[in-house]
Amino acid sequence: MTGVDEFVKYILNLYRLLPETPSKTNPNDRKTATALHQRQILMSTIESALLLGSVRRLSRSPDMPPLSPIRSLAYFLPVIQELLDHPIRDDYANYLRIKLHALNSKKDACRTQ
């Protein structure tokens, strides 16, 4: 497996495991991940963007209209660009992981009631 293949596999796995993303990726997702590799964007930056985008979605007020489903890794490109323009501290990604887990657990609990 080459560096590109490992990078793409890692990014697609992160994307696929997020709440509200498809359980399977598509060829366009692979192209997007490959393009991110070609742009030499760090995996940590992409992971932080995926976490931040997901936390933002899950923390929206329930009074707001529902968002359309996430169908592609490209959904997160604006957040990736935001973090390239305004990087966050590494420890903030840990906070986002915890926050995402809590929000997703809360959402799951609401669904089962």
Protein backbone atom coordinates (compact mmCIF):
# COMPACT_ATOMS: atom_id res chain seq x y z
CA MET A 1 0.00 0.00 0.00
CA THR A 2 1.38 3.41 -0.92
CA GLY A 3 1.32 6.57 1.16
CA VAL A 4 -1.59 7.88 -0.90
CA ASP A 5 -3.57 4.67 -0.42
CA GLU A 6 -3.01 4.70 3.34
CA PHE A 7 -3.96 8.38 3.57
CA VAL A 8 -7.15 7.89 1.55
CA LYS A 9 -8.13 4.79 3.51
CA TYR A 10 -7.61 6.61 6.83
CA ILE A 11 -9.61 9.69 5.78
CA LEU A 12 -12.46 7.67 4.31
CA ASN A 13 -12.66 5.56 7.45
CA LEU A 14 -12.85 8.68 9.64
CA TYR A 15 -15.58 10.08 7.40
CA ARG A 16 -17.57 6.86 7.30
CA LEU A 17 -17.57 6.47 11.09
CA LEU A 18 -19.01 9.94 11.76
CA PRO A 19 -22.63 10.28 12.77
CA GLU A 20 -24.88 11.36 9.90
CA THR A 21 -22.49 10.23 7.16
CA PRO A 22 -23.14 7.31 4.80
CA SER A 23 -21.88 3.92 5.98
CA LYS A 24 -20.27 3.41 2.58
CA THR A 25 -18.07 5.79 0.62
CA ASN A 26 -18.29 6.42 -3.10
CA PRO A 27 -15.74 7.05 -5.87
CA ASN A 28 -16.12 10.82 -5.48
CA ASP A 29 -15.17 10.52 -1.81
CA ARG A 30 -12.00 8.70 -2.86
CA LYS A 31 -11.23 11.47 -5.40
CA THR A 32 -11.77 14.13 -2.74
CA ALA A 33 -9.49 12.34 -0.26
CA THR A 34 -6.84 11.89 -2.97
CA ALA A 35 -7.05 15.61 -3.80
CA LEU A 36 -6.57 16.46 -0.12
CA HIS A 37 -3.44 14.28 -0.12
CA GLN A 38 -2.16 16.01 -3.26
CA ARG A 39 -2.69 19.37 -1.54
CA GLN A 40 -0.57 18.00 1.33
CA ILE A 41 -3.21 18.73 3.93
CA LEU A 42 -2.36 17.06 7.20
CA MET A 43 -4.53 14.18 8.33
CA SER A 44 -4.88 15.89 11.71
CA THR A 45 -6.31 19.01 10.03
CA ILE A 46 -8.81 16.92 8.08
CA GLU A 47 -9.79 14.94 11.16
CA SER A 48 -10.33 18.17 13.13
CA ALA A 49 -12.48 19.54 10.31
CA LEU A 50 -14.60 16.38 10.19
CA LEU A 51 -15.08 16.55 13.95
CA LEU A 52 -15.87 20.27 13.94
CA GLY A 53 -18.35 19.95 11.09
CA SER A 54 -20.10 17.06 12.82
CA VAL A 55 -20.24 18.84 16.18
CA ARG A 56 -21.74 21.89 14.51
CA ARG A 57 -24.42 19.77 12.84
CA LEU A 58 -25.34 17.85 15.96
CA SER A 59 -25.41 20.93 18.18
CA ARG A 60 -27.90 22.84 16.03
CA SER A 61 -31.07 23.91 17.74
CA PRO A 62 -33.88 21.39 17.22
CA ASP A 63 -36.11 24.37 16.40
CA MET A 64 -34.17 24.99 13.19
CA PRO A 65 -35.15 23.30 9.94
CA PRO A 66 -33.39 19.96 9.42
CA LEU A 67 -30.24 19.91 7.33
CA SER A 68 -30.04 17.81 4.22
CA PRO A 69 -28.15 14.52 4.65
CA ILE A 70 -24.39 14.39 4.19
CA ARG A 71 -23.77 12.49 0.99
CA SER A 72 -20.12 13.21 0.33
CA LEU A 73 -16.77 13.92 1.94
CA ALA A 74 -16.86 17.15 -0.08
CA TYR A 75 -19.44 18.44 2.44
CA PHE A 76 -16.52 19.06 4.80
CA LEU A 77 -14.27 20.94 2.33
CA PRO A 78 -15.34 24.41 3.57
CA VAL A 79 -14.54 23.40 7.16
CA ILE A 80 -11.15 22.05 6.06
CA GLN A 81 -10.45 25.36 4.36
CA GLU A 82 -11.59 27.24 7.46
CA LEU A 83 -9.06 25.32 9.57
CA LEU A 84 -6.32 25.92 7.02
CA ASP A 85 -7.06 29.65 7.24
CA HIS A 86 -7.49 29.63 11.03
CA PRO A 87 -5.77 26.60 12.59
CA ILE A 88 -6.94 25.27 15.94
CA ARG A 89 -4.79 23.94 18.75
CA ASP A 90 -4.18 20.18 18.80
CA ASP A 91 -5.87 19.80 22.17
CA TYR A 92 -9.05 21.30 20.74
CA ALA A 93 -9.44 18.21 18.55
CA ASN A 94 -9.60 16.12 21.74
CA TYR A 95 -12.36 18.39 23.03
CA LEU A 96 -14.22 17.94 19.72
CA ARG A 97 -13.98 14.14 20.02
CA ILE A 98 -15.50 14.25 23.51
CA LYS A 99 -18.17 16.74 22.45
CA LEU A 100 -19.10 14.69 19.37
CA HIS A 101 -19.44 11.53 21.46
CA ALA A 102 -21.67 13.33 23.98
CA LEU A 103 -23.87 14.92 21.29
CA ASN A 104 -24.21 11.67 19.38
CA SER A 105 -25.11 9.78 22.58
CA LYS A 106 -27.73 12.41 23.42
CA LYS A 107 -29.19 12.18 19.93
CA ASP A 108 -29.33 8.38 20.14
CA ALA A 109 -31.06 8.60 23.52
CA CYS A 110 -33.68 10.99 22.10
CA ARG A 111 -34.38 8.58 19.23
CA THR A 112 -35.06 5.66 21.56
CA GLN A 113 -37.57 7.56 23.72
